Amino acid sequence: MFLLTGITAFSQVGIGTTDPQSTLDVNGTLRVSGIKSSFQDVEAVRIVGLDEDGNFVEVEVDENLILENNQLRALNNRFKFGTVPTLNTTIVNNINLIIWPGEPNDDKTVIKIYNLLGDFDLHGIFPGQDGQRIYLYPQDGRIRIIKNSLLALPGHEIDGSGMAMVLQYGLIELMYDATRGKWVIMEY
């Protein structure tokens, strides 16, 4: 009698199938009724989806998405700070912002740049990924960006003519255009 009770407690139920593969295995459409109609009655804490076998699985939510008050919303106004090794020069030909996947600043949006000598001229930046956007944020002086400089390696150029000046604690937004192999100034 005890053995039969144990088997019943761990049985699987199949609806539309004679060979259930889970505790509840439904072969067919699923309809749920009797769900509470007021969002105030129950708070969602997880998002679920279906895998290729039809199993319900929890969906991992990235840190820029928040499930709150039964609404999923994106945070697009959060920036992460990165830094590069401190500079000690007045001319930087090709700065490596270490922003590729696996590098220290791969998920950083704002790159703080420190220079022991304060102001410096920037002639080029190592290539980014196509469409990658970053902000340069000088901490110790001004950055004078020399556009289409002959001192920049191919693929490292900053597009435009003339120069742009970024004051200390100011920001300049750049996007990498891989087709052209150039950083494009978006806003400053």
N, C-alpha and C. Protein backbone atom coordinates (compact mmCIF):
# COMPACT_ATOMS: atom_id res chain seq x y z
N MET A 1 0.82 -1.19 0.00
CA MET A 1 0.00 0.00 0.00
C MET A 1 0.87 1.26 0.00
N PHE A 2 1.95 1.27 0.80
CA PHE A 2 2.86 2.40 0.88
C PHE A 2 3.54 2.66 -0.47
N LEU A 3 3.92 1.61 -1.17
CA LEU A 3 4.57 1.75 -2.47
C LEU A 3 3.62 2.37 -3.49
N LEU A 4 2.35 2.01 -3.47
CA LEU A 4 1.39 2.57 -4.42
C LEU A 4 1.15 4.06 -4.17
N THR A 5 1.17 4.47 -2.91
CA THR A 5 0.99 5.89 -2.58
C THR A 5 2.16 6.70 -3.11
N GLY A 6 3.40 6.20 -3.00
CA GLY A 6 4.58 6.89 -3.50
C GLY A 6 4.55 7.04 -5.01
N ILE A 7 4.10 6.04 -5.72
CA ILE A 7 4.03 6.10 -7.18
C ILE A 7 3.01 7.15 -7.60
N THR A 8 1.88 7.22 -6.92
CA THR A 8 0.84 8.18 -7.25
C THR A 8 1.32 9.61 -7.01
N ALA A 9 2.11 9.85 -5.97
CA ALA A 9 2.57 11.18 -5.63
C ALA A 9 3.52 11.75 -6.68
N PHE A 10 4.24 10.90 -7.40
CA PHE A 10 5.21 11.37 -8.38
C PHE A 10 4.80 11.03 -9.81
N SER A 11 3.53 10.89 -10.05
CA SER A 11 3.08 10.53 -11.39
C SER A 11 3.05 11.77 -12.29
N GLN A 12 3.00 11.51 -13.60
CA GLN A 12 2.92 12.55 -14.59
C GLN A 12 1.55 12.47 -15.24
N VAL A 13 1.02 13.64 -15.58
CA VAL A 13 -0.31 13.71 -16.18
C VAL A 13 -0.16 14.19 -17.61
N GLY A 14 -0.80 13.49 -18.51
CA GLY A 14 -0.77 13.87 -19.91
C GLY A 14 -2.16 14.23 -20.39
N ILE A 15 -2.26 15.36 -21.09
CA ILE A 15 -3.52 15.76 -21.71
C ILE A 15 -3.26 15.76 -23.21
N GLY A 16 -3.94 14.90 -23.92
CA GLY A 16 -3.73 14.77 -25.36
C GLY A 16 -2.52 13.92 -25.68
N THR A 17 -1.94 13.26 -24.70
CA THR A 17 -0.79 12.37 -24.93
C THR A 17 -0.88 11.19 -23.97
N THR A 18 -0.42 10.05 -24.41
CA THR A 18 -0.39 8.86 -23.55
C THR A 18 0.99 8.65 -22.95
N ASP A 19 1.95 9.50 -23.33
CA ASP A 19 3.32 9.38 -22.84
C ASP A 19 3.81 10.73 -22.32
N PRO A 20 3.31 11.18 -21.15
CA PRO A 20 3.72 12.50 -20.63
C PRO A 20 5.21 12.53 -20.30
N GLN A 21 5.86 13.64 -20.65
CA GLN A 21 7.30 13.81 -20.42
C GLN A 21 7.60 14.77 -19.27
N SER A 22 6.58 15.39 -18.69
CA SER A 22 6.74 16.31 -17.57
C SER A 22 5.62 16.05 -16.58
N THR A 23 5.64 16.75 -15.46
CA THR A 23 4.59 16.61 -14.46
C THR A 23 3.23 16.85 -15.09
N LEU A 24 3.13 17.89 -15.93
CA LEU A 24 1.94 18.14 -16.72
C LEU A 24 2.39 18.32 -18.16
N ASP A 25 1.93 17.43 -19.04
CA ASP A 25 2.32 17.45 -20.46
C ASP A 25 1.06 17.62 -21.28
N VAL A 26 0.94 18.81 -21.93
CA VAL A 26 -0.25 19.12 -22.72
C VAL A 26 0.13 19.08 -24.19
N ASN A 27 -0.53 18.20 -24.94
CA ASN A 27 -0.33 18.14 -26.38
C ASN A 27 -1.58 18.74 -27.02
N GLY A 28 -1.48 20.02 -27.40
CA GLY A 28 -2.62 20.73 -27.95
C GLY A 28 -2.57 22.17 -27.48
N THR A 29 -3.65 22.89 -27.66
CA THR A 29 -3.67 24.28 -27.25
C THR A 29 -3.91 24.38 -25.75
N LEU A 30 -3.51 25.48 -25.20
CA LEU A 30 -3.64 25.69 -23.77
C LEU A 30 -4.46 26.95 -23.55
N ARG A 31 -5.44 26.85 -22.68
CA ARG A 31 -6.26 28.00 -22.34
C ARG A 31 -6.32 28.08 -20.83
N VAL A 32 -6.13 29.28 -20.32
CA VAL A 32 -6.17 29.49 -18.88
C VAL A 32 -7.29 30.48 -18.60
N SER A 33 -8.15 30.16 -17.67
CA SER A 33 -9.20 31.08 -17.28
C SER A 33 -9.15 31.26 -15.77
N GLY A 34 -9.86 32.25 -15.29
CA GLY A 34 -9.88 32.51 -13.86
C GLY A 34 -8.69 33.33 -13.40
N ILE A 35 -7.99 34.00 -14.35
CA ILE A 35 -6.86 34.85 -13.97
C ILE A 35 -7.39 36.12 -13.33
N LYS A 36 -6.75 36.55 -12.27
CA LYS A 36 -7.16 37.77 -11.61
C LYS A 36 -7.07 38.93 -12.58
N SER A 37 -8.08 39.77 -12.61
CA SER A 37 -8.13 40.84 -13.60
C SER A 37 -7.44 42.12 -13.13
N SER A 38 -7.17 42.24 -11.88
CA SER A 38 -6.57 43.46 -11.35
C SER A 38 -5.08 43.26 -11.14
N PHE A 39 -4.26 44.16 -11.68
CA PHE A 39 -2.82 44.07 -11.48
C PHE A 39 -2.44 44.29 -10.03
N GLN A 40 -3.33 44.86 -9.26
CA GLN A 40 -3.03 45.08 -7.85
C GLN A 40 -3.14 43.80 -7.04
N ASP A 41 -3.83 42.80 -7.58
CA ASP A 41 -4.02 41.55 -6.83
C ASP A 41 -2.76 40.69 -6.80
N VAL A 42 -1.97 40.72 -7.85
CA VAL A 42 -0.82 39.84 -7.93
C VAL A 42 0.33 40.57 -8.64
N GLU A 43 1.54 40.33 -8.20
CA GLU A 43 2.73 40.98 -8.77
C GLU A 43 3.56 39.93 -9.50
N ALA A 44 3.80 40.15 -10.79
CA ALA A 44 4.65 39.25 -11.57
C ALA A 44 6.10 39.42 -11.13
N VAL A 45 6.81 38.31 -10.99
CA VAL A 45 8.22 38.37 -10.58
C VAL A 45 9.14 37.71 -11.60
N ARG A 46 8.58 37.02 -12.60
CA ARG A 46 9.37 36.34 -13.61
C ARG A 46 8.70 36.45 -14.96
N ILE A 47 9.51 36.31 -16.00
CA ILE A 47 9.00 36.23 -17.37
C ILE A 47 9.31 34.83 -17.86
N VAL A 48 8.33 34.19 -18.49
CA VAL A 48 8.54 32.84 -19.00
C VAL A 48 8.32 32.82 -20.51
N GLY A 49 8.94 31.85 -21.15
CA GLY A 49 8.79 31.64 -22.58
C GLY A 49 8.79 30.15 -22.85
N LEU A 50 8.79 29.79 -24.12
CA LEU A 50 8.80 28.39 -24.51
C LEU A 50 10.11 28.07 -25.21
N ASP A 51 10.69 26.90 -24.89
CA ASP A 51 11.86 26.46 -25.64
C ASP A 51 11.41 25.69 -26.87
N GLU A 52 12.37 25.19 -27.66
CA GLU A 52 12.01 24.53 -28.92
C GLU A 52 11.22 23.24 -28.72
N ASP A 53 11.23 22.67 -27.51
CA ASP A 53 10.46 21.46 -27.22
C ASP A 53 9.09 21.77 -26.62
N GLY A 54 8.77 23.06 -26.45
CA GLY A 54 7.47 23.43 -25.89
C GLY A 54 7.45 23.51 -24.39
N ASN A 55 8.60 23.44 -23.74
CA ASN A 55 8.68 23.53 -22.29
C ASN A 55 8.70 25.00 -21.86
N PHE A 56 7.99 25.30 -20.79
CA PHE A 56 8.06 26.63 -20.21
C PHE A 56 9.43 26.80 -19.55
N VAL A 57 10.09 27.91 -19.84
CA VAL A 57 11.39 28.19 -19.24
C VAL A 57 11.41 29.65 -18.79
N GLU A 58 12.15 29.91 -17.72
CA GLU A 58 12.29 31.28 -17.27
C GLU A 58 13.19 32.04 -18.23
N VAL A 59 12.81 33.26 -18.57
CA VAL A 59 13.58 34.11 -19.47
C VAL A 59 14.46 35.01 -18.61
N GLU A 60 15.77 34.98 -18.89
CA GLU A 60 16.67 35.87 -18.17
C GLU A 60 16.49 37.29 -18.69
N VAL A 61 16.44 38.23 -17.78
CA VAL A 61 16.24 39.63 -18.13
C VAL A 61 17.54 40.37 -17.87
N ASP A 62 18.04 41.09 -18.89
CA ASP A 62 19.27 41.85 -18.76
C ASP A 62 19.06 43.00 -17.78
N GLU A 63 20.15 43.54 -17.27
CA GLU A 63 20.05 44.58 -16.24
C GLU A 63 19.43 45.88 -16.74
N ASN A 64 19.33 46.07 -18.06
CA ASN A 64 18.70 47.30 -18.55
C ASN A 64 17.19 47.13 -18.71
N LEU A 65 16.64 45.96 -18.33
CA LEU A 65 15.20 45.73 -18.33
C LEU A 65 14.73 45.53 -16.91
N ILE A 66 13.58 46.12 -16.58
CA ILE A 66 13.03 46.00 -15.24
C ILE A 66 11.59 45.54 -15.34
N LEU A 67 11.24 44.53 -14.56
CA LEU A 67 9.86 44.07 -14.43
C LEU A 67 9.34 44.64 -13.12
N GLU A 68 8.45 45.62 -13.22
CA GLU A 68 7.98 46.33 -12.04
C GLU A 68 6.51 46.69 -12.24
N ASN A 69 5.69 46.41 -11.23
CA ASN A 69 4.25 46.68 -11.31
C ASN A 69 3.64 46.05 -12.56
N ASN A 70 4.07 44.84 -12.86
CA ASN A 70 3.59 44.07 -14.01
C ASN A 70 3.84 44.76 -15.34
N GLN A 71 4.87 45.57 -15.40
CA GLN A 71 5.29 46.20 -16.65
C GLN A 71 6.77 45.92 -16.85
N LEU A 72 7.12 45.59 -18.09
CA LEU A 72 8.51 45.41 -18.45
C LEU A 72 8.96 46.68 -19.15
N ARG A 73 9.98 47.32 -18.61
CA ARG A 73 10.44 48.57 -19.22
C ARG A 73 11.95 48.55 -19.34
N ALA A 74 12.43 49.26 -20.33
CA ALA A 74 13.86 49.33 -20.60
C ALA A 74 14.45 50.60 -20.00
N LEU A 75 15.61 50.43 -19.43
CA LEU A 75 16.37 51.58 -18.93
C LEU A 75 17.38 51.94 -20.00
N ASN A 76 17.16 53.02 -20.68
CA ASN A 76 18.12 53.41 -21.70
C ASN A 76 18.90 54.65 -21.30
N ASN A 77 18.75 55.06 -20.08
CA ASN A 77 19.44 56.27 -19.64
C ASN A 77 20.54 55.98 -18.62
N ARG A 78 20.92 54.73 -18.51
CA ARG A 78 21.98 54.38 -17.57
C ARG A 78 23.28 54.19 -18.35
N PHE A 79 24.31 54.90 -17.93
CA PHE A 79 25.60 54.80 -18.58
C PHE A 79 26.57 54.13 -17.62
N LYS A 80 27.47 53.35 -18.18
CA LYS A 80 28.53 52.73 -17.39
C LYS A 80 29.84 53.41 -17.74
N PHE A 81 30.64 53.67 -16.72
CA PHE A 81 31.90 54.36 -16.90
C PHE A 81 33.04 53.37 -17.09
N GLY A 82 33.91 53.70 -18.00
CA GLY A 82 35.15 52.96 -18.20
C GLY A 82 36.30 53.95 -18.19
N THR A 83 37.51 53.43 -18.09
CA THR A 83 38.70 54.28 -18.15
C THR A 83 39.75 53.59 -19.01
N VAL A 84 40.70 54.34 -19.45
CA VAL A 84 41.86 53.81 -20.15
C VAL A 84 43.08 54.14 -19.31
N PRO A 85 44.21 53.47 -19.57
CA PRO A 85 45.40 53.81 -18.78
C PRO A 85 45.71 55.31 -18.88
N THR A 86 46.15 55.88 -17.78
CA THR A 86 46.44 57.31 -17.71
C THR A 86 47.50 57.70 -18.74
N LEU A 87 47.22 58.78 -19.44
CA LEU A 87 48.13 59.29 -20.47
C LEU A 87 49.14 60.23 -19.83
N ASN A 88 50.28 60.39 -20.52
CA ASN A 88 51.31 61.32 -20.06
C ASN A 88 51.94 61.96 -21.30
N THR A 89 51.09 62.60 -22.12
CA THR A 89 51.55 63.15 -23.38
C THR A 89 50.61 64.28 -23.83
N THR A 90 51.07 65.06 -24.76
CA THR A 90 50.22 66.13 -25.31
C THR A 90 49.69 65.77 -26.69
N ILE A 91 50.19 64.66 -27.28
CA ILE A 91 49.72 64.19 -28.59
C ILE A 91 49.43 62.70 -28.49
N VAL A 92 48.21 62.31 -28.85
CA VAL A 92 47.82 60.89 -28.86
C VAL A 92 47.40 60.56 -30.28
N ASN A 93 48.19 59.72 -30.94
CA ASN A 93 47.89 59.39 -32.34
C ASN A 93 46.76 58.37 -32.46
N ASN A 94 46.82 57.28 -31.73
CA ASN A 94 45.84 56.20 -31.86
C ASN A 94 45.59 55.60 -30.48
N ILE A 95 44.55 56.07 -29.81
CA ILE A 95 44.27 55.62 -28.45
C ILE A 95 43.42 54.35 -28.50
N ASN A 96 43.78 53.40 -27.65
CA ASN A 96 43.01 52.16 -27.53
C ASN A 96 42.06 52.31 -26.35
N LEU A 97 40.76 52.34 -26.63
CA LEU A 97 39.76 52.51 -25.57
C LEU A 97 39.37 51.18 -24.92
N ILE A 98 39.98 50.09 -25.35
CA ILE A 98 39.74 48.72 -24.86
C ILE A 98 38.24 48.42 -24.71
N ILE A 99 37.52 48.55 -25.86
CA ILE A 99 36.06 48.44 -25.87
C ILE A 99 35.54 47.21 -26.60
N TRP A 100 36.41 46.32 -27.07
CA TRP A 100 35.94 45.12 -27.77
C TRP A 100 35.45 44.08 -26.78
N PRO A 101 34.59 43.13 -27.21
CA PRO A 101 34.11 42.08 -26.30
C PRO A 101 35.26 41.38 -25.60
N GLY A 102 35.12 41.24 -24.30
CA GLY A 102 36.15 40.60 -23.48
C GLY A 102 37.18 41.56 -22.93
N GLU A 103 37.20 42.79 -23.46
CA GLU A 103 38.14 43.79 -22.94
C GLU A 103 37.49 44.55 -21.78
N PRO A 104 38.30 45.22 -20.96
CA PRO A 104 37.75 45.86 -19.75
C PRO A 104 36.60 46.84 -19.98
N ASN A 105 36.56 47.54 -21.12
CA ASN A 105 35.51 48.53 -21.35
C ASN A 105 34.47 48.07 -22.37
N ASP A 106 34.32 46.76 -22.56
CA ASP A 106 33.43 46.27 -23.63
C ASP A 106 31.97 46.65 -23.42
N ASP A 107 31.52 46.86 -22.22
CA ASP A 107 30.13 47.23 -21.98
C ASP A 107 30.01 48.65 -21.43
N LYS A 108 31.06 49.42 -21.57
CA LYS A 108 31.06 50.78 -21.05
C LYS A 108 30.66 51.76 -22.14
N THR A 109 29.93 52.79 -21.77
CA THR A 109 29.46 53.79 -22.71
C THR A 109 30.27 55.07 -22.62
N VAL A 110 30.64 55.45 -21.40
CA VAL A 110 31.39 56.68 -21.17
C VAL A 110 32.81 56.31 -20.76
N ILE A 111 33.78 56.80 -21.53
CA ILE A 111 35.18 56.50 -21.25
C ILE A 111 35.84 57.74 -20.66
N LYS A 112 36.21 57.63 -19.37
CA LYS A 112 36.93 58.71 -18.70
C LYS A 112 38.40 58.65 -19.14
N ILE A 113 38.93 59.80 -19.54
CA ILE A 113 40.31 59.86 -19.98
C ILE A 113 41.08 60.80 -19.07
N TYR A 114 42.14 60.25 -18.46
CA TYR A 114 43.01 61.01 -17.57
C TYR A 114 44.33 61.26 -18.28
N ASN A 115 44.87 62.47 -18.13
CA ASN A 115 46.16 62.81 -18.72
C ASN A 115 46.94 63.65 -17.71
N LEU A 116 48.09 63.16 -17.31
CA LEU A 116 48.89 63.87 -16.31
C LEU A 116 49.31 65.27 -16.77
N LEU A 117 49.37 65.47 -18.11
CA LEU A 117 49.78 66.77 -18.64
C LEU A 117 48.60 67.67 -18.99
N GLY A 118 47.38 67.23 -18.70
CA GLY A 118 46.20 68.06 -18.96
C GLY A 118 45.73 67.97 -20.39
N ASP A 119 45.75 69.07 -21.12
CA ASP A 119 45.25 69.13 -22.50
C ASP A 119 46.07 68.23 -23.43
N PHE A 120 45.38 67.66 -24.45
CA PHE A 120 46.11 66.90 -25.46
C PHE A 120 45.35 66.88 -26.77
N ASP A 121 46.09 66.61 -27.85
CA ASP A 121 45.52 66.47 -29.19
C ASP A 121 45.29 64.99 -29.46
N LEU A 122 44.10 64.66 -29.94
CA LEU A 122 43.74 63.27 -30.26
C LEU A 122 43.60 63.16 -31.77
N HIS A 123 44.44 62.31 -32.37
CA HIS A 123 44.46 62.16 -33.82
C HIS A 123 43.71 60.91 -34.29
N GLY A 124 43.56 59.89 -33.45
CA GLY A 124 42.90 58.67 -33.87
C GLY A 124 42.50 57.79 -32.70
N ILE A 125 41.54 56.90 -32.95
CA ILE A 125 41.04 55.96 -31.93
C ILE A 125 40.99 54.59 -32.57
N PHE A 126 41.43 53.57 -31.85
CA PHE A 126 41.35 52.20 -32.35
C PHE A 126 39.92 51.91 -32.80
N PRO A 127 39.74 51.10 -33.85
CA PRO A 127 38.39 50.82 -34.36
C PRO A 127 37.49 50.18 -33.30
N GLY A 128 36.19 50.47 -33.44
CA GLY A 128 35.17 49.83 -32.60
C GLY A 128 34.37 48.86 -33.46
N GLN A 129 33.26 48.38 -32.93
CA GLN A 129 32.35 47.54 -33.69
C GLN A 129 31.40 48.43 -34.48
N ASP A 130 30.92 47.95 -35.60
CA ASP A 130 30.05 48.74 -36.45
C ASP A 130 28.84 49.24 -35.66
N GLY A 131 28.64 50.55 -35.65
CA GLY A 131 27.51 51.16 -34.95
C GLY A 131 27.75 51.40 -33.47
N GLN A 132 28.91 51.02 -32.96
CA GLN A 132 29.19 51.20 -31.53
C GLN A 132 29.28 52.69 -31.21
N ARG A 133 28.60 53.07 -30.12
CA ARG A 133 28.59 54.47 -29.70
C ARG A 133 29.28 54.60 -28.35
N ILE A 134 30.10 55.64 -28.23
CA ILE A 134 30.80 55.91 -26.98
C ILE A 134 30.82 57.42 -26.74
N TYR A 135 31.07 57.77 -25.49
CA TYR A 135 31.30 59.17 -25.12
C TYR A 135 32.72 59.26 -24.56
N LEU A 136 33.46 60.25 -24.98
CA LEU A 136 34.75 60.56 -24.37
C LEU A 136 34.51 61.63 -23.32
N TYR A 137 35.13 61.47 -22.15
CA TYR A 137 34.88 62.32 -20.99
C TYR A 137 36.22 62.71 -20.37
N PRO A 138 36.85 63.82 -20.82
CA PRO A 138 38.17 64.19 -20.30
C PRO A 138 38.09 64.65 -18.85
N GLN A 139 39.05 64.15 -18.04
CA GLN A 139 39.05 64.44 -16.60
C GLN A 139 40.11 65.46 -16.19
N ASP A 140 41.20 65.58 -16.95
CA ASP A 140 42.34 66.40 -16.52
C ASP A 140 42.66 67.55 -17.46
N GLY A 141 41.80 67.89 -18.34
CA GLY A 141 42.08 68.96 -19.29
C GLY A 141 41.18 68.80 -20.50
N ARG A 142 41.54 69.49 -21.56
CA ARG A 142 40.74 69.46 -22.78
C ARG A 142 41.31 68.45 -23.77
N ILE A 143 40.41 67.93 -24.60
CA ILE A 143 40.83 67.08 -25.72
C ILE A 143 40.55 67.87 -27.00
N ARG A 144 41.59 68.07 -27.77
CA ARG A 144 41.42 68.67 -29.08
C ARG A 144 41.46 67.53 -30.09
N ILE A 145 40.32 67.29 -30.76
CA ILE A 145 40.22 66.18 -31.71
C ILE A 145 40.58 66.69 -33.09
N ILE A 146 41.60 66.08 -33.68
CA ILE A 146 42.05 66.43 -35.01
C ILE A 146 41.39 65.44 -35.98
N LYS A 147 40.45 65.94 -36.78
CA LYS A 147 39.67 65.07 -37.67
C LYS A 147 40.46 64.74 -38.93
N ASN A 148 40.32 63.51 -39.41
CA ASN A 148 41.00 63.00 -40.61
C ASN A 148 42.50 63.30 -40.58
N SER A 149 43.08 63.09 -39.42
CA SER A 149 44.50 63.38 -39.23
C SER A 149 45.36 62.37 -39.99
N LEU A 150 46.46 62.85 -40.55
CA LEU A 150 47.43 61.98 -41.22
C LEU A 150 48.21 61.14 -40.22
N LEU A 151 48.14 61.49 -38.93
CA LEU A 151 48.82 60.72 -37.89
C LEU A 151 48.01 59.51 -37.43
N ALA A 152 46.73 59.44 -37.84
CA ALA A 152 45.88 58.31 -37.46
C ALA A 152 46.09 57.16 -38.43
N LEU A 153 46.13 55.95 -37.90
CA LEU A 153 46.25 54.76 -38.75
C LEU A 153 44.94 54.56 -39.51
N PRO A 154 44.98 53.85 -40.67
CA PRO A 154 43.73 53.55 -41.38
C PRO A 154 42.75 52.81 -40.47
N GLY A 155 41.50 53.24 -40.47
CA GLY A 155 40.48 52.65 -39.61
C GLY A 155 40.38 53.32 -38.25
N HIS A 156 41.35 54.19 -37.93
CA HIS A 156 41.39 54.87 -36.64
C HIS A 156 40.95 56.32 -36.74
N GLU A 157 40.69 56.80 -37.96
CA GLU A 157 40.40 58.22 -38.15
C GLU A 157 39.08 58.64 -37.49
N ILE A 158 39.04 59.93 -37.19
CA ILE A 158 37.82 60.57 -36.71
C ILE A 158 37.36 61.47 -37.84
N ASP A 159 36.12 61.27 -38.30
CA ASP A 159 35.63 61.91 -39.51
C ASP A 159 35.36 63.40 -39.34
N GLY A 160 35.58 64.12 -40.43
CA GLY A 160 35.28 65.54 -40.47
C GLY A 160 36.49 66.34 -40.92
N SER A 161 36.35 67.61 -40.91
CA SER A 161 37.48 68.47 -41.25
C SER A 161 37.73 69.42 -40.08
N GLY A 162 38.96 69.84 -39.97
CA GLY A 162 39.29 70.75 -38.89
C GLY A 162 39.48 70.03 -37.58
N MET A 163 38.97 70.62 -36.51
CA MET A 163 39.11 70.02 -35.19
C MET A 163 37.88 70.28 -34.34
N ALA A 164 37.77 69.52 -33.27
CA ALA A 164 36.70 69.71 -32.28
C ALA A 164 37.37 69.77 -30.92
N MET A 165 36.84 70.59 -30.05
CA MET A 165 37.40 70.75 -28.71
C MET A 165 36.41 70.25 -27.68
N VAL A 166 36.88 69.37 -26.79
CA VAL A 166 36.05 68.88 -25.69
C VAL A 166 36.67 69.41 -24.41
N LEU A 167 35.93 70.22 -23.70
CA LEU A 167 36.43 70.81 -22.47
C LEU A 167 36.50 69.78 -21.35
N GLN A 168 37.30 70.06 -20.34
CA GLN A 168 37.37 69.19 -19.18
C GLN A 168 35.97 68.98 -18.61
N TYR A 169 35.61 67.74 -18.33
CA TYR A 169 34.31 67.32 -17.82
C TYR A 169 33.18 67.52 -18.84
N GLY A 170 33.53 67.77 -20.09
CA GLY A 170 32.55 67.80 -21.16
C GLY A 170 32.47 66.42 -21.80
N LEU A 171 31.52 66.26 -22.70
CA LEU A 171 31.35 64.96 -23.38
C LEU A 171 31.31 65.18 -24.88
N ILE A 172 31.82 64.19 -25.60
CA ILE A 172 31.65 64.15 -27.05
C ILE A 172 31.23 62.73 -27.40
N GLU A 173 30.17 62.61 -28.20
CA GLU A 173 29.64 61.30 -28.59
C GLU A 173 30.18 60.92 -29.96
N LEU A 174 30.68 59.69 -30.07
CA LEU A 174 31.22 59.17 -31.32
C LEU A 174 30.55 57.85 -31.66
N MET A 175 30.44 57.56 -32.96
CA MET A 175 29.93 56.27 -33.43
C MET A 175 30.91 55.73 -34.45
N TYR A 176 31.16 54.41 -34.41
CA TYR A 176 32.09 53.83 -35.36
C TYR A 176 31.33 53.32 -36.58
N ASP A 177 31.78 53.76 -37.76
CA ASP A 177 31.22 53.32 -39.04
C ASP A 177 32.24 52.36 -39.65
N ALA A 178 32.00 51.05 -39.51
CA ALA A 178 32.96 50.05 -39.98
C ALA A 178 33.09 50.04 -41.50
N THR A 179 32.02 50.39 -42.21
CA THR A 179 32.08 50.42 -43.67
C THR A 179 33.12 51.45 -44.13
N ARG A 180 33.13 52.59 -43.48
CA ARG A 180 34.08 53.65 -43.83
C ARG A 180 35.36 53.55 -43.03
N GLY A 181 35.34 52.77 -41.94
CA GLY A 181 36.53 52.65 -41.10
C GLY A 181 36.87 53.94 -40.39
N LYS A 182 35.82 54.63 -39.89
CA LYS A 182 36.04 55.91 -39.23
C LYS A 182 35.08 56.08 -38.06
N TRP A 183 35.53 56.83 -37.07
CA TRP A 183 34.68 57.30 -35.99
C TRP A 183 33.98 58.56 -36.49
N VAL A 184 32.69 58.69 -36.22
CA VAL A 184 31.92 59.84 -36.65
C VAL A 184 31.47 60.59 -35.40
N ILE A 185 31.72 61.88 -35.37
CA ILE A 185 31.26 62.69 -34.24
C ILE A 185 29.76 62.89 -34.39
N MET A 186 29.02 62.50 -33.34
CA MET A 186 27.57 62.63 -33.38
C MET A 186 27.12 63.91 -32.70
N GLU A 187 27.70 64.19 -31.53
CA GLU A 187 27.24 65.34 -30.76
C GLU A 187 28.30 65.71 -29.74
N TYR A 188 28.48 67.00 -29.55
CA TYR A 188 29.34 67.48 -28.45
C TYR A 188 28.99 68.89 -28.10
